[in-house]
Amino acid sequence: MERFAFKMKLKPGFKEEYKKRHDEIWPELEQLIRETGVSDYSIFLDEQTNILFAVQKQSGDNSSQDLGTNPLVQKWWAYMADIMETNSDNSPVTIPLEEVFYMK
């Protein structure tokens, strides 16, 4: 199992709304992400910068970032676009992060 990390940016003042939407994640979206081989998925917020830091475990070669053509994922992106920095297709601006240390 491989770990994958990336960062995104939340618009100022939307911490509670972001948390609420993820507390109520659509069951069919969660199932789709799991079926892709993603597990142990966490998102953290640095409140000083509004940077979201995400890390997930993935089996195989896929991550949640590989689901962009799925209509359900596109619907989620549109739902989240008002509170996050996004690309022109509503996908969140994501920046992969390089692992420089891991303690097992």
PDB file of N, CA and C in Angstrom:
ATOM      1  N   MET A   1       0.840  -1.163   0.000  1.00  0.00           N
ATOM      2  CA  MET A   1       0.000   0.000   0.000  1.00  0.00           C
ATOM      3  C   MET A   1       0.896   1.241   0.000  1.00  0.00           C
ATOM      4  N   GLU A   2       0.589   2.165  -0.854  1.00  0.00           N
ATOM      5  CA  GLU A   2       1.369   3.385  -1.005  1.00  0.00           C
ATOM      6  C   GLU A   2       0.604   4.571  -0.401  1.00  0.00           C
ATOM      7  N   ARG A   3       1.339   5.576   0.082  1.00  0.00           N
ATOM      8  CA  ARG A   3       0.712   6.789   0.592  1.00  0.00           C
ATOM      9  C   ARG A   3       0.910   7.915  -0.415  1.00  0.00           C
ATOM     10  N   PHE A   4      -0.078   8.763  -0.529  1.00  0.00           N
ATOM     11  CA  PHE A   4      -0.057   9.869  -1.472  1.00  0.00           C
ATOM     12  C   PHE A   4      -0.524  11.110  -0.731  1.00  0.00           C
ATOM     13  N   ALA A   5       0.204  12.219  -0.865  1.00  0.00           N
ATOM     14  CA  ALA A   5      -0.152  13.458  -0.181  1.00  0.00           C
ATOM     15  C   ALA A   5      -0.220  14.605  -1.183  1.00  0.00           C
ATOM     16  N   PHE A   6      -1.114  15.544  -0.906  1.00  0.00           N
ATOM     17  CA  PHE A   6      -1.247  16.717  -1.760  1.00  0.00           C
ATOM     18  C   PHE A   6      -1.840  17.853  -0.942  1.00  0.00           C
ATOM     19  N   LYS A   7      -1.741  19.065  -1.486  1.00  0.00           N
ATOM     20  CA  LYS A   7      -2.330  20.202  -0.797  1.00  0.00           C
ATOM     21  C   LYS A   7      -3.303  20.923  -1.717  1.00  0.00           C
ATOM     22  N   MET A   8      -4.249  21.604  -1.082  1.00  0.00           N
ATOM     23  CA  MET A   8      -5.265  22.399  -1.766  1.00  0.00           C
ATOM     24  C   MET A   8      -5.424  23.677  -0.957  1.00  0.00           C
ATOM     25  N   LYS A   9      -6.270  24.593  -1.409  1.00  0.00           N
ATOM     26  CA  LYS A   9      -6.449  25.832  -0.667  1.00  0.00           C
ATOM     27  C   LYS A   9      -7.927  26.130  -0.479  1.00  0.00           C
ATOM     28  N   LEU A  10      -8.276  26.386   0.767  1.00  0.00           N
ATOM     29  CA  LEU A  10      -9.633  26.759   1.150  1.00  0.00           C
ATOM     30  C   LEU A  10      -9.754  28.273   1.092  1.00  0.00           C
ATOM     31  N   LYS A  11     -10.881  28.766   0.635  1.00  0.00           N
ATOM     32  CA  LYS A  11     -11.104  30.213   0.658  1.00  0.00           C
ATOM     33  C   LYS A  11     -11.292  30.650   2.109  1.00  0.00           C
ATOM     34  N   PRO A  12     -10.835  31.846   2.453  1.00  0.00           N
ATOM     35  CA  PRO A  12     -10.940  32.325   3.843  1.00  0.00           C
ATOM     36  C   PRO A  12     -12.382  32.314   4.354  1.00  0.00           C
ATOM     37  N   GLY A  13     -12.533  31.900   5.616  1.00  0.00           N
ATOM     38  CA  GLY A  13     -13.836  31.924   6.281  1.00  0.00           C
ATOM     39  C   GLY A  13     -14.715  30.714   6.045  1.00  0.00           C
ATOM     40  N   PHE A  14     -14.216  29.687   5.375  1.00  0.00           N
ATOM     41  CA  PHE A  14     -15.051  28.540   5.037  1.00  0.00           C
ATOM     42  C   PHE A  14     -14.674  27.251   5.766  1.00  0.00           C
ATOM     43  N   LYS A  15     -13.922  27.355   6.836  1.00  0.00           N
ATOM     44  CA  LYS A  15     -13.512  26.160   7.579  1.00  0.00           C
ATOM     45  C   LYS A  15     -14.711  25.320   8.007  1.00  0.00           C
ATOM     46  N   GLU A  16     -15.669  25.946   8.670  1.00  0.00           N
ATOM     47  CA  GLU A  16     -16.826  25.193   9.184  1.00  0.00           C
ATOM     48  C   GLU A  16     -17.659  24.594   8.059  1.00  0.00           C
ATOM     49  N   GLU A  17     -17.839  25.327   6.982  1.00  0.00           N
ATOM     50  CA  GLU A  17     -18.612  24.809   5.852  1.00  0.00           C
ATOM     51  C   GLU A  17     -17.893  23.640   5.189  1.00  0.00           C
ATOM     52  N   TYR A  18     -16.587  23.742   5.045  1.00  0.00           N
ATOM     53  CA  TYR A  18     -15.797  22.653   4.466  1.00  0.00           C
ATOM     54  C   TYR A  18     -15.936  21.400   5.325  1.00  0.00           C
ATOM     55  N   LYS A  19     -15.785  21.580   6.637  1.00  0.00           N
ATOM     56  CA  LYS A  19     -15.915  20.449   7.555  1.00  0.00           C
ATOM     57  C   LYS A  19     -17.317  19.848   7.480  1.00  0.00           C
ATOM     58  N   LYS A  20     -18.336  20.693   7.470  1.00  0.00           N
ATOM     59  CA  LYS A  20     -19.728  20.220   7.398  1.00  0.00           C
ATOM     60  C   LYS A  20     -19.961  19.386   6.137  1.00  0.00           C
ATOM     61  N   ARG A  21     -19.508  19.887   5.012  1.00  0.00           N
ATOM     62  CA  ARG A  21     -19.724  19.161   3.752  1.00  0.00           C
ATOM     63  C   ARG A  21     -19.010  17.812   3.757  1.00  0.00           C
ATOM     64  N   HIS A  22     -17.839  17.759   4.354  1.00  0.00           N
ATOM     65  CA  HIS A  22     -17.134  16.482   4.407  1.00  0.00           C
ATOM     66  C   HIS A  22     -17.701  15.554   5.478  1.00  0.00           C
ATOM     67  N   ASP A  23     -18.256  16.108   6.550  1.00  0.00           N
ATOM     68  CA  ASP A  23     -18.943  15.266   7.538  1.00  0.00           C
ATOM     69  C   ASP A  23     -20.168  14.600   6.911  1.00  0.00           C
ATOM     70  N   GLU A  24     -20.703  15.234   5.882  1.00  0.00           N
ATOM     71  CA  GLU A  24     -21.898  14.729   5.196  1.00  0.00           C
ATOM     72  C   GLU A  24     -21.566  14.235   3.789  1.00  0.00           C
ATOM     73  N   ILE A  25     -20.341  13.733   3.600  1.00  0.00           N
ATOM     74  CA  ILE A  25     -19.929  13.278   2.265  1.00  0.00           C
ATOM     75  C   ILE A  25     -20.958  12.290   1.718  1.00  0.00           C
ATOM     76  N   TRP A  26     -21.234  12.413   0.464  1.00  0.00           N
ATOM     77  CA  TRP A  26     -22.215  11.535  -0.164  1.00  0.00           C
ATOM     78  C   TRP A  26     -21.737  10.090  -0.083  1.00  0.00           C
ATOM     79  N   PRO A  27     -22.587   9.178   0.400  1.00  0.00           N
ATOM     80  CA  PRO A  27     -22.171   7.768   0.531  1.00  0.00           C
ATOM     81  C   PRO A  27     -21.681   7.166  -0.784  1.00  0.00           C
ATOM     82  N   GLU A  28     -22.315   7.523  -1.886  1.00  0.00           N
ATOM     83  CA  GLU A  28     -21.904   6.967  -3.178  1.00  0.00           C
ATOM     84  C   GLU A  28     -20.524   7.490  -3.591  1.00  0.00           C
ATOM     85  N   LEU A  29     -20.161   8.701  -3.176  1.00  0.00           N
ATOM     86  CA  LEU A  29     -18.826   9.219  -3.462  1.00  0.00           C
ATOM     87  C   LEU A  29     -17.786   8.505  -2.607  1.00  0.00           C
ATOM     88  N   GLU A  30     -18.088   8.321  -1.338  1.00  0.00           N
ATOM     89  CA  GLU A  30     -17.166   7.586  -0.472  1.00  0.00           C
ATOM     90  C   GLU A  30     -16.950   6.171  -0.999  1.00  0.00           C
ATOM     91  N   GLN A  31     -18.016   5.522  -1.442  1.00  0.00           N
ATOM     92  CA  GLN A  31     -17.901   4.167  -1.983  1.00  0.00           C
ATOM     93  C   GLN A  31     -17.020   4.159  -3.242  1.00  0.00           C
ATOM     94  N   LEU A  32     -17.226   5.135  -4.115  1.00  0.00           N
ATOM     95  CA  LEU A  32     -16.418   5.222  -5.335  1.00  0.00           C
ATOM     96  C   LEU A  32     -14.939   5.386  -5.000  1.00  0.00           C
ATOM     97  N   ILE A  33     -14.629   6.254  -4.045  1.00  0.00           N
ATOM     98  CA  ILE A  33     -13.237   6.466  -3.650  1.00  0.00           C
ATOM     99  C   ILE A  33     -12.641   5.175  -3.097  1.00  0.00           C
ATOM    100  N   ARG A  34     -13.398   4.481  -2.255  1.00  0.00           N
ATOM    101  CA  ARG A  34     -12.911   3.213  -1.692  1.00  0.00           C
ATOM    102  C   ARG A  34     -12.685   2.168  -2.788  1.00  0.00           C
ATOM    103  N   GLU A  35     -13.611   2.107  -3.752  1.00  0.00           N
ATOM    104  CA  GLU A  35     -13.494   1.135  -4.841  1.00  0.00           C
ATOM    105  C   GLU A  35     -12.268   1.410  -5.715  1.00  0.00           C
ATOM    106  N   THR A  36     -11.790   2.633  -5.702  1.00  0.00           N
ATOM    107  CA  THR A  36     -10.588   2.998  -6.449  1.00  0.00           C
ATOM    108  C   THR A  36      -9.337   2.468  -5.756  1.00  0.00           C
ATOM    109  N   GLY A  37      -9.480   2.044  -4.493  1.00  0.00           N
ATOM    110  CA  GLY A  37      -8.347   1.520  -3.747  1.00  0.00           C
ATOM    111  C   GLY A  37      -7.814   2.492  -2.713  1.00  0.00           C
ATOM    112  N   VAL A  38      -8.534   3.586  -2.482  1.00  0.00           N
ATOM    113  CA  VAL A  38      -8.117   4.592  -1.516  1.00  0.00           C
ATOM    114  C   VAL A  38      -8.678   4.255  -0.147  1.00  0.00           C
ATOM    115  N   SER A  39      -7.834   4.362   0.870  1.00  0.00           N
ATOM    116  CA  SER A  39      -8.270   4.157   2.252  1.00  0.00           C
ATOM    117  C   SER A  39      -7.474   5.094   3.146  1.00  0.00           C
ATOM    118  N   ASP A  40      -7.839   5.140   4.388  1.00  0.00           N
ATOM    119  CA  ASP A  40      -7.116   5.936   5.383  1.00  0.00           C
ATOM    120  C   ASP A  40      -6.852   7.339   4.840  1.00  0.00           C
ATOM    121  N   TYR A  41      -7.917   8.028   4.450  1.00  0.00           N
ATOM    122  CA  TYR A  41      -7.862   9.327   3.781  1.00  0.00           C
ATOM    123  C   TYR A  41      -8.151  10.416   4.806  1.00  0.00           C
ATOM    124  N   SER A  42      -7.206  11.321   5.000  1.00  0.00           N
ATOM    125  CA  SER A  42      -7.364  12.420   5.946  1.00  0.00           C
ATOM    126  C   SER A  42      -7.063  13.744   5.257  1.00  0.00           C
ATOM    127  N   ILE A  43      -7.760  14.793   5.709  1.00  0.00           N
ATOM    128  CA  ILE A  43      -7.479  16.146   5.243  1.00  0.00           C
ATOM    129  C   ILE A  43      -7.316  17.020   6.479  1.00  0.00           C
ATOM    130  N   PHE A  44      -6.220  17.774   6.522  1.00  0.00           N
ATOM    131  CA  PHE A  44      -5.915  18.663   7.634  1.00  0.00           C
ATOM    132  C   PHE A  44      -5.926  20.100   7.130  1.00  0.00           C
ATOM    133  N   LEU A  45      -6.217  21.051   8.016  1.00  0.00           N
ATOM    134  CA  LEU A  45      -6.243  22.465   7.655  1.00  0.00           C
ATOM    135  C   LEU A  45      -5.223  23.246   8.469  1.00  0.00           C
ATOM    136  N   ASP A  46      -4.408  24.033   7.779  1.00  0.00           N
ATOM    137  CA  ASP A  46      -3.551  25.013   8.425  1.00  0.00           C
ATOM    138  C   ASP A  46      -4.343  26.323   8.404  1.00  0.00           C
ATOM    139  N   GLU A  47      -4.902  26.705   9.531  1.00  0.00           N
ATOM    140  CA  GLU A  47      -5.780  27.874   9.589  1.00  0.00           C
ATOM    141  C   GLU A  47      -5.060  29.188   9.305  1.00  0.00           C
ATOM    142  N   GLN A  48      -3.763  29.244   9.491  1.00  0.00           N
ATOM    143  CA  GLN A  48      -3.027  30.487   9.223  1.00  0.00           C
ATOM    144  C   GLN A  48      -2.913  30.761   7.731  1.00  0.00           C
ATOM    145  N   THR A  49      -2.864  29.709   6.922  1.00  0.00           N
ATOM    146  CA  THR A  49      -2.678  29.878   5.478  1.00  0.00           C
ATOM    147  C   THR A  49      -3.884  29.415   4.659  1.00  0.00           C
ATOM    148  N   ASN A  50      -4.844  28.748   5.289  1.00  0.00           N
ATOM    149  CA  ASN A  50      -5.989  28.116   4.616  1.00  0.00           C
ATOM    150  C   ASN A  50      -5.559  26.992   3.675  1.00  0.00           C
ATOM    151  N   ILE A  51      -4.371  26.456   3.908  1.00  0.00           N
ATOM    152  CA  ILE A  51      -3.902  25.320   3.116  1.00  0.00           C
ATOM    153  C   ILE A  51      -4.488  24.039   3.700  1.00  0.00           C
ATOM    154  N   LEU A  52      -5.068  23.240   2.824  1.00  0.00           N
ATOM    155  CA  LEU A  52      -5.561  21.913   3.173  1.00  0.00           C
ATOM    156  C   LEU A  52      -4.471  20.913   2.796  1.00  0.00           C
ATOM    157  N   PHE A  53      -4.142  20.032   3.707  1.00  0.00           N
ATOM    158  CA  PHE A  53      -3.145  18.996   3.473  1.00  0.00           C
ATOM    159  C   PHE A  53      -3.865  17.661   3.513  1.00  0.00           C
ATOM    160  N   ALA A  54      -3.792  16.917   2.434  1.00  0.00           N
ATOM    161  CA  ALA A  54      -4.477  15.630   2.345  1.00  0.00           C
ATOM    162  C   ALA A  54      -3.469  14.504   2.210  1.00  0.00           C
ATOM    163  N   VAL A  55      -3.770  13.392   2.851  1.00  0.00           N
ATOM    164  CA  VAL A  55      -2.942  12.196   2.721  1.00  0.00           C
ATOM    165  C   VAL A  55      -3.875  10.990   2.676  1.00  0.00           C
ATOM    166  N   GLN A  56      -3.528  10.054   1.821  1.00  0.00           N
ATOM    167  CA  GLN A  56      -4.359   8.855   1.670  1.00  0.00           C
ATOM    168  C   GLN A  56      -3.470   7.665   1.355  1.00  0.00           C
ATOM    169  N   LYS A  57      -3.944   6.510   1.714  1.00  0.00           N
ATOM    170  CA  LYS A  57      -3.288   5.270   1.311  1.00  0.00           C
ATOM    171  C   LYS A  57      -4.010   4.784   0.074  1.00  0.00           C
ATOM    172  N   GLN A  58      -3.244   4.201  -0.825  1.00  0.00           N
ATOM    173  CA  GLN A  58      -3.847   3.696  -2.050  1.00  0.00           C
ATOM    174  C   GLN A  58      -3.223   2.364  -2.435  1.00  0.00           C
ATOM    175  N   SER A  59      -4.064   1.469  -2.872  1.00  0.00           N
ATOM    176  CA  SER A  59      -3.570   0.207  -3.413  1.00  0.00           C
ATOM    177  C   SER A  59      -3.614   0.327  -4.930  1.00  0.00           C
ATOM    178  N   GLY A  60      -2.674  -0.235  -5.581  1.00  0.00           N
ATOM    179  CA  GLY A  60      -2.605  -0.099  -7.035  1.00  0.00           C
ATOM    180  C   GLY A  60      -2.039   1.254  -7.429  1.00  0.00           C
ATOM    181  N   ASP A  61      -2.355   1.675  -8.636  1.00  0.00           N
ATOM    182  CA  ASP A  61      -1.788   2.908  -9.180  1.00  0.00           C
ATOM    183  C   ASP A  61      -2.727   4.100  -9.092  1.00  0.00           C
ATOM    184  N   ASN A  62      -3.914   3.936  -8.519  1.00  0.00           N
ATOM    185  CA  ASN A  62      -4.909   4.999  -8.517  1.00  0.00           C
ATOM    186  C   ASN A  62      -4.979   5.732  -7.188  1.00  0.00           C
ATOM    187  N   SER A  63      -5.389   6.993  -7.265  1.00  0.00           N
ATOM    188  CA  SER A  63      -5.694   7.770  -6.069  1.00  0.00           C
ATOM    189  C   SER A  63      -7.012   8.483  -6.334  1.00  0.00           C
ATOM    190  N   SER A  64      -7.505   9.192  -5.348  1.00  0.00           N
ATOM    191  CA  SER A  64      -8.739   9.945  -5.551  1.00  0.00           C
ATOM    192  C   SER A  64      -8.548  10.991  -6.647  1.00  0.00           C
ATOM    193  N   GLN A  65      -7.310  11.380  -6.901  1.00  0.00           N
ATOM    194  CA  GLN A  65      -7.014  12.387  -7.919  1.00  0.00           C
ATOM    195  C   GLN A  65      -7.191  11.849  -9.339  1.00  0.00           C
ATOM    196  N   ASP A  66      -7.411  10.554  -9.483  1.00  0.00           N
ATOM    197  CA  ASP A  66      -7.572   9.941 -10.803  1.00  0.00           C
ATOM    198  C   ASP A  66      -9.036   9.767 -11.201  1.00  0.00           C
ATOM    199  N   LEU A  67      -9.952  10.349 -10.460  1.00  0.00           N
ATOM    200  CA  LEU A  67     -11.383  10.142 -10.692  1.00  0.00           C
ATOM    201  C   LEU A  67     -12.052  11.311 -11.413  1.00  0.00           C
ATOM    202  N   GLY A  68     -11.280  12.216 -11.964  1.00  0.00           N
ATOM    203  CA  GLY A  68     -11.809  13.454 -12.526  1.00  0.00           C
ATOM    204  C   GLY A  68     -12.794  13.325 -13.663  1.00  0.00           C
ATOM    205  N   THR A  69     -12.810  12.215 -14.361  1.00  0.00           N
ATOM    206  CA  THR A  69     -13.763  12.052 -15.462  1.00  0.00           C
ATOM    207  C   THR A  69     -15.092  11.467 -14.996  1.00  0.00           C
ATOM    208  N   ASN A  70     -15.152  11.061 -13.742  1.00  0.00           N
ATOM    209  CA  ASN A  70     -16.389  10.466 -13.217  1.00  0.00           C
ATOM    210  C   ASN A  70     -17.426  11.563 -12.961  1.00  0.00           C
ATOM    211  N   PRO A  71     -18.663  11.415 -13.471  1.00  0.00           N
ATOM    212  CA  PRO A  71     -19.699  12.436 -13.281  1.00  0.00           C
ATOM    213  C   PRO A  71     -20.002  12.742 -11.806  1.00  0.00           C
ATOM    214  N   LEU A  72     -19.930  11.741 -10.943  1.00  0.00           N
ATOM    215  CA  LEU A  72     -20.187  11.971  -9.528  1.00  0.00           C
ATOM    216  C   LEU A  72     -19.107  12.869  -8.920  1.00  0.00           C
ATOM    217  N   VAL A  73     -17.868  12.639  -9.293  1.00  0.00           N
ATOM    218  CA  VAL A  73     -16.759  13.465  -8.815  1.00  0.00           C
ATOM    219  C   VAL A  73     -16.899  14.883  -9.358  1.00  0.00           C
ATOM    220  N   GLN A  74     -17.275  15.014 -10.610  1.00  0.00           N
ATOM    221  CA  GLN A  74     -17.479  16.336 -11.190  1.00  0.00           C
ATOM    222  C   GLN A  74     -18.601  17.091 -10.484  1.00  0.00           C
ATOM    223  N   LYS A  75     -19.634  16.381 -10.072  1.00  0.00           N
ATOM    224  CA  LYS A  75     -20.738  16.993  -9.314  1.00  0.00           C
ATOM    225  C   LYS A  75     -20.225  17.473  -7.946  1.00  0.00           C
ATOM    226  N   TRP A  76     -19.384  16.662  -7.279  1.00  0.00           N
ATOM    227  CA  TRP A  76     -18.803  17.049  -5.985  1.00  0.00           C
ATOM    228  C   TRP A  76     -17.933  18.300  -6.152  1.00  0.00           C
ATOM    229  N   TRP A  77     -17.116  18.308  -7.201  1.00  0.00           N
ATOM    230  CA  TRP A  77     -16.271  19.476  -7.457  1.00  0.00           C
ATOM    231  C   TRP A  77     -17.117  20.734  -7.604  1.00  0.00           C
ATOM    232  N   ALA A  78     -18.201  20.650  -8.356  1.00  0.00           N
ATOM    233  CA  ALA A  78     -19.077  21.819  -8.549  1.00  0.00           C
ATOM    234  C   ALA A  78     -19.667  22.255  -7.206  1.00  0.00           C
ATOM    235  N   TYR A  79     -20.023  21.292  -6.372  1.00  0.00           N
ATOM    236  CA  TYR A  79     -20.571  21.556  -5.038  1.00  0.00           C
ATOM    237  C   TYR A  79     -19.553  22.263  -4.151  1.00  0.00           C
ATOM    238  N   MET A  80     -18.289  21.939  -4.299  1.00  0.00           N
ATOM    239  CA  MET A  80     -17.232  22.493  -3.453  1.00  0.00           C
ATOM    240  C   MET A  80     -16.581  23.753  -4.036  1.00  0.00           C
ATOM    241  N   ALA A  81     -16.838  24.084  -5.275  1.00  0.00           N
ATOM    242  CA  ALA A  81     -16.125  25.158  -5.970  1.00  0.00           C
ATOM    243  C   ALA A  81     -16.283  26.529  -5.331  1.00  0.00           C
ATOM    244  N   ASP A  82     -17.367  26.749  -4.630  1.00  0.00           N
ATOM    245  CA  ASP A  82     -17.574  28.075  -4.041  1.00  0.00           C
ATOM    246  C   ASP A  82     -16.722  28.326  -2.803  1.00  0.00           C
ATOM    247  N   ILE A  83     -16.111  27.286  -2.253  1.00  0.00           N
ATOM    248  CA  ILE A  83     -15.345  27.478  -1.015  1.00  0.00           C
ATOM    249  C   ILE A  83     -13.870  27.101  -1.143  1.00  0.00           C
ATOM    250  N   MET A  84     -13.444  26.709  -2.342  1.00  0.00           N
ATOM    251  CA  MET A  84     -12.056  26.286  -2.559  1.00  0.00           C
ATOM    252  C   MET A  84     -11.491  26.949  -3.807  1.00  0.00           C
ATOM    253  N   GLU A  85     -10.167  27.025  -3.874  1.00  0.00           N
ATOM    254  CA  GLU A  85      -9.538  27.439  -5.119  1.00  0.00           C
ATOM    255  C   GLU A  85      -9.662  26.290  -6.114  1.00  0.00           C
ATOM    256  N   THR A  86     -10.157  26.601  -7.312  1.00  0.00           N
ATOM    257  CA  THR A  86     -10.410  25.560  -8.312  1.00  0.00           C
ATOM    258  C   THR A  86      -9.835  25.939  -9.672  1.00  0.00           C
ATOM    259  N   ASN A  87      -9.720  24.920 -10.499  1.00  0.00           N
ATOM    260  CA  ASN A  87      -9.366  25.098 -11.900  1.00  0.00           C
ATOM    261  C   ASN A  87     -10.634  25.430 -12.680  1.00  0.00           C
ATOM    262  N   SER A  88     -10.501  25.686 -13.972  1.00  0.00           N
ATOM    263  CA  SER A  88     -11.656  26.078 -14.791  1.00  0.00           C
ATOM    264  C   SER A  88     -12.728  24.984 -14.882  1.00  0.00           C
ATOM    265  N   ASP A  89     -12.354  23.722 -14.638  1.00  0.00           N
ATOM    266  CA  ASP A  89     -13.332  22.623 -14.677  1.00  0.00           C
ATOM    267  C   ASP A  89     -13.916  22.323 -13.292  1.00  0.00           C
ATOM    268  N   ASN A  90     -13.698  23.219 -12.321  1.00  0.00           N
ATOM    269  CA  ASN A  90     -14.145  23.085 -10.922  1.00  0.00           C
ATOM    270  C   ASN A  90     -13.313  22.110 -10.105  1.00  0.00           C
ATOM    271  N   SER A  91     -12.346  21.435 -10.702  1.00  0.00           N
ATOM    272  CA  SER A  91     -11.497  20.550  -9.910  1.00  0.00           C
ATOM    273  C   SER A  91     -10.674  21.398  -8.954  1.00  0.00           C
ATOM    274  N   PRO A  92     -10.446  20.909  -7.739  1.00  0.00           N
ATOM    275  CA  PRO A  92      -9.629  21.698  -6.823  1.00  0.00           C
ATOM    276  C   PRO A  92      -8.199  21.815  -7.340  1.00  0.00           C
ATOM    277  N   VAL A  93      -7.612  22.979  -7.144  1.00  0.00           N
ATOM    278  CA  VAL A  93      -6.199  23.137  -7.455  1.00  0.00           C
ATOM    279  C   VAL A  93      -5.449  22.270  -6.453  1.00  0.00           C
ATOM    280  N   THR A  94      -4.768  21.251  -6.934  1.00  0.00           N
ATOM    281  CA  THR A  94      -4.025  20.349  -6.057  1.00  0.00           C
ATOM    282  C   THR A  94      -2.562  20.331  -6.451  1.00  0.00           C
ATOM    283  N   ILE A  95      -1.733  20.249  -5.447  1.00  0.00           N
ATOM    284  CA  ILE A  95      -0.293  20.195  -5.656  1.00  0.00           C
ATOM    285  C   ILE A  95       0.230  18.951  -4.948  1.00  0.00           C
ATOM    286  N   PRO A  96       0.733  17.965  -5.705  1.00  0.00           N
ATOM    287  CA  PRO A  96       1.290  16.769  -5.075  1.00  0.00           C
ATOM    288  C   PRO A  96       2.478  17.151  -4.195  1.00  0.00           C
ATOM    289  N   LEU A  97       2.645  16.432  -3.117  1.00  0.00           N
ATOM    290  CA  LEU A  97       3.739  16.684  -2.191  1.00  0.00           C
ATOM    291  C   LEU A  97       4.704  15.509  -2.168  1.00  0.00           C
ATOM    292  N   GLU A  98       5.965  15.814  -2.098  1.00  0.00           N
ATOM    293  CA  GLU A  98       7.004  14.791  -2.035  1.00  0.00           C
ATOM    294  C   GLU A  98       7.237  14.395  -0.590  1.00  0.00           C
ATOM    295  N   GLU A  99       7.263  13.107  -0.334  1.00  0.00           N
ATOM    296  CA  GLU A  99       7.571  12.620   1.000  1.00  0.00           C
ATOM    297  C   GLU A  99       9.060  12.745   1.239  1.00  0.00           C
ATOM    298  N   VAL A 100       9.422  13.386   2.348  1.00  0.00           N
ATOM    299  CA  VAL A 100      10.834  13.540   2.681  1.00  0.00           C
ATOM    300  C   VAL A 100      11.196  12.844   3.986  1.00  0.00           C
ATOM    301  N   PHE A 101      10.195  12.348   4.715  1.00  0.00           N
ATOM    302  CA  PHE A 101      10.445  11.601   5.946  1.00  0.00           C
ATOM    303  C   PHE A 101       9.212  10.777   6.284  1.00  0.00           C
ATOM    304  N   TYR A 102       9.442   9.555   6.729  1.00  0.00           N
ATOM    305  CA  TYR A 102       8.350   8.686   7.180  1.00  0.00           C
ATOM    306  C   TYR A 102       8.901   7.781   8.286  1.00  0.00           C
ATOM    307  N   MET A 103       8.272   7.829   9.426  1.00  0.00           N
ATOM    308  CA  MET A 103       8.672   6.963  10.531  1.00  0.00           C
ATOM    309  C   MET A 103       7.595   5.909  10.721  1.00  0.00           C
ATOM    310  N   LYS A 104       7.947   4.675  10.574  1.00  0.00           N
ATOM    311  CA  LYS A 104       6.980   3.579  10.734  1.00  0.00           C
ATOM    312  C   LYS A 104       6.858   3.203  12.191  1.00  0.00           C
TER     313      LYS A 104
END
